[in-house]
């Protein structure tokens, strides 16, 4: 949950950077948000694999 919240915060930084036409904060916020979301999806995939009923 914390990774997802951090990704949301980074996305907001990117959005505000884009709104104020600041390319560096927009790019950094968007990039960090993407990396954190990929990490979150990785965690969810591992959780699914561990808890899937048909797992061997």
C-alpha atoms as a PDB file:
ATOM      1  CA  UNK A   1       0.000   0.000   0.000  1.00  0.00           C
ATOM      2  CA  UNK A   2       2.879   2.353   0.802  1.00  0.00           C
ATOM      3  CA  UNK A   3       4.443   1.822  -2.641  1.00  0.00           C
ATOM      4  CA  UNK A   4       1.140   2.659  -4.316  1.00  0.00           C
ATOM      5  CA  UNK A   5       0.733   5.784  -2.157  1.00  0.00           C
ATOM      6  CA  UNK A   6       4.277   6.902  -3.010  1.00  0.00           C
ATOM      7  CA  UNK A   7       3.562   6.357  -6.718  1.00  0.00           C
ATOM      8  CA  UNK A   8       0.445   8.487  -6.403  1.00  0.00           C
ATOM      9  CA  UNK A   9       2.446  11.252  -4.744  1.00  0.00           C
ATOM     10  CA  UNK A  10       5.110  11.123  -7.445  1.00  0.00           C
ATOM     11  CA  UNK A  11       2.391  11.232 -10.090  1.00  0.00           C
ATOM     12  CA  UNK A  12       0.967  14.345  -8.488  1.00  0.00           C
ATOM     13  CA  UNK A  13       4.416  15.953  -8.520  1.00  0.00           C
ATOM     14  CA  UNK A  14       4.646  15.151 -12.225  1.00  0.00           C
ATOM     15  CA  UNK A  15       1.183  16.515 -12.850  1.00  0.00           C
ATOM     16  CA  UNK A  16       1.888  19.744 -11.004  1.00  0.00           C
ATOM     17  CA  UNK A  17       5.200  20.098 -12.817  1.00  0.00           C
ATOM     18  CA  UNK A  18       3.423  19.743 -16.140  1.00  0.00           C
ATOM     19  CA  UNK A  19       0.687  22.165 -15.052  1.00  0.00           C
ATOM     20  CA  UNK A  20       3.284  24.805 -14.186  1.00  0.00           C
ATOM     21  CA  UNK A  21       5.293  24.001 -17.333  1.00  0.00           C
ATOM     22  CA  UNK A  22       8.361  22.872 -15.413  1.00  0.00           C
ATOM     23  CA  UNK A  23       9.935  20.087 -17.484  1.00  0.00           C
ATOM     24  CA  UNK A  24      12.334  18.692 -14.861  1.00  0.00           C
ATOM     25  CA  UNK A  25       9.771  18.116 -12.063  1.00  0.00           C
ATOM     26  CA  UNK A  26       7.282  16.815 -14.621  1.00  0.00           C
ATOM     27  CA  UNK A  27       9.762  14.314 -16.045  1.00  0.00           C
ATOM     28  CA  UNK A  28      11.160  13.228 -12.681  1.00  0.00           C
ATOM     29  CA  UNK A  29       7.719  12.884 -11.079  1.00  0.00           C
ATOM     30  CA  UNK A  30       6.391  10.901 -14.020  1.00  0.00           C
ATOM     31  CA  UNK A  31       9.450   8.656 -14.166  1.00  0.00           C
ATOM     32  CA  UNK A  32       9.426   7.924 -10.437  1.00  0.00           C
ATOM     33  CA  UNK A  33       5.683   7.239 -10.552  1.00  0.00           C
ATOM     34  CA  UNK A  34       6.177   4.762 -13.394  1.00  0.00           C
ATOM     35  CA  UNK A  35       9.011   2.964 -11.577  1.00  0.00           C
ATOM     36  CA  UNK A  36       7.026   2.756  -8.352  1.00  0.00           C
ATOM     37  CA  UNK A  37       3.950   1.459 -10.162  1.00  0.00           C
ATOM     38  CA  UNK A  38       6.033  -1.225 -11.872  1.00  0.00           C
ATOM     39  CA  UNK A  39       7.366  -2.195  -8.450  1.00  0.00           C
ATOM     40  CA  UNK A  40       3.830  -2.304  -7.069  1.00  0.00           C
ATOM     41  CA  UNK A  41       2.694  -4.556  -9.908  1.00  0.00           C
ATOM     42  CA  UNK A  42       5.665  -6.836  -9.257  1.00  0.00           C
ATOM     43  CA  UNK A  43       4.632  -7.122  -5.604  1.00  0.00           C
ATOM     44  CA  UNK A  44       1.036  -7.886  -6.596  1.00  0.00           C
ATOM     45  CA  UNK A  45       2.185 -10.556  -9.077  1.00  0.00           C
ATOM     46  CA  UNK A  46       4.293 -12.222  -6.377  1.00  0.00           C
ATOM     47  CA  UNK A  47       1.368 -12.083  -3.950  1.00  0.00           C
ATOM     48  CA  UNK A  48      -0.942 -13.645  -6.538  1.00  0.00           C
ATOM     49  CA  UNK A  49       1.533 -16.419  -7.298  1.00  0.00           C
ATOM     50  CA  UNK A  50       1.898 -17.238  -3.602  1.00  0.00           C
ATOM     51  CA  UNK A  51      -1.836 -17.241  -2.866  1.00  0.00           C
ATOM     52  CA  UNK A  52      -3.262 -18.694  -6.085  1.00  0.00           C
ATOM     53  CA  UNK A  53      -5.456 -21.728  -5.224  1.00  0.00           C
ATOM     54  CA  UNK A  54      -4.160 -23.863  -8.133  1.00  0.00           C
ATOM     55  CA  UNK A  55      -0.491 -23.355  -7.208  1.00  0.00           C
ATOM     56  CA  UNK A  56       1.620 -26.521  -7.059  1.00  0.00           C
END
